Amino acid sequence: MPRIRIFLCTYRRPHLLRRALASLLAQTFTDWVCELHNDDPADDAPRAILAELAPGDSRFNYFAHSKNWGAVATFNHVYAGGPEPYASLLEDDNWWAPDFLSTALRTIEEHPAASLVWANMRLWQEQPDGSWLDTGHTIWTTRPASPRIRIFPEPELYQAFDALHSQGAMVFRPRHFNSSPIPSALPVAIIESARERAATGPLILITTPLAHFARTLTTARSQDPALWLQSKLLVAASFFQTVTVSPAALARLWVQCRAQRPRNTDTLFRLGITLGPPRLLRYARPGDWIHFILSSVRHPVRFVRVLRFRRSHPETWAWFVAQSGAHTRAKTAQASLFTKEVAAA
């Protein structure tokens, strides 16, 4: 039996699928099987591309969906895995360095308790003419003396606001994730954060960039600012409701949120309002209060709508609380507070 099952997922982007598929075929590790999922019933281009680039390659199984599954259902299928001990997701807009699989598999096998290993990614920006610009940045900023890996024993305070891992460059153990499927109504923007809540073991970052993250000109994620803020609160409120955060960690959190551009202190005020404990607002400065009040007055409808995040997403909220309670209750959050170049890559 192969050691890993790759889920290659595509939707109406044949020009990008070629690049992703080519990077899989170029892997130095070859003991894998791949499910190529085409989520557009009306588009047969992925079948033709597979036949062109991998003719007769028995490692591939092609799945043309009879109806559009959407991102959440597709990712639920991915995390169910297969009979192999490991699985990975390759989205059509990302691509891997040739030694990604070999390095990630070696790392996860060195750590039997780990749920997931992921690699740093280089950032590329799509240009209006269809070309790609290497930004010179990576998702995680590392120094030459940085360790090869960084282990995150959950929960990590950063997870109150964003996911640690990048699903476009990961290898995971399906059996180390809670089998409860993510609700179909979950906002796509927080799907990585949701999966981390279902993990039952540490997450490990390979600091070397071994994959490429594409910032495309178009995205399937909602452009509704209120929905984005509601999504952030679903993640943050469920975290603070079930995880112990020390006063020192809270103080550092305010410093971190204050330093972000744009500043993220308004999220802490919304948490204080919805969760109630005054400890969340203890470290707010006058400037933080002024920023929050002006923002709320400027967008009153958005302000009210955002605070109704639990009522607007009852199924997702219940899922987050259940997962957080199952895996993080009575634990104290680590307070390393990292900064990523992109959110939820």
Foldseek 3Di string as FASTA:
>chain_A
DFQEEEEEEEEPCLVLQLQAVVQVVLAPDDRYAYEYEYQDLVDPSVVVSCCVPPNPDPSYDYHYDPHHPDDQSSVLVQLLGDPHQKYAYAYSNKHWARHLVVVQVVVCVVPVQAFKEFEKAFEWEADPVRDIDRPVDIFADDDPPDDQKDKFWPDALCLLFFADHARNGMMGGSVQFDSDGQDPPQFPLHPRSLRVLRGQGIYMYRHHHGMYDYDYPDDPGDPPVLVVLLNSCLSNLLQVVAAAEDLVLLLVVQVLQCPDVVRNLLSLVLSCVLVPDCSSVPNDDPVSVVVNVVVCVVPVVSNVSNSCSCVVCVRNSVSSNVSCNVRHHPYHHHRPDGGTPDGRD
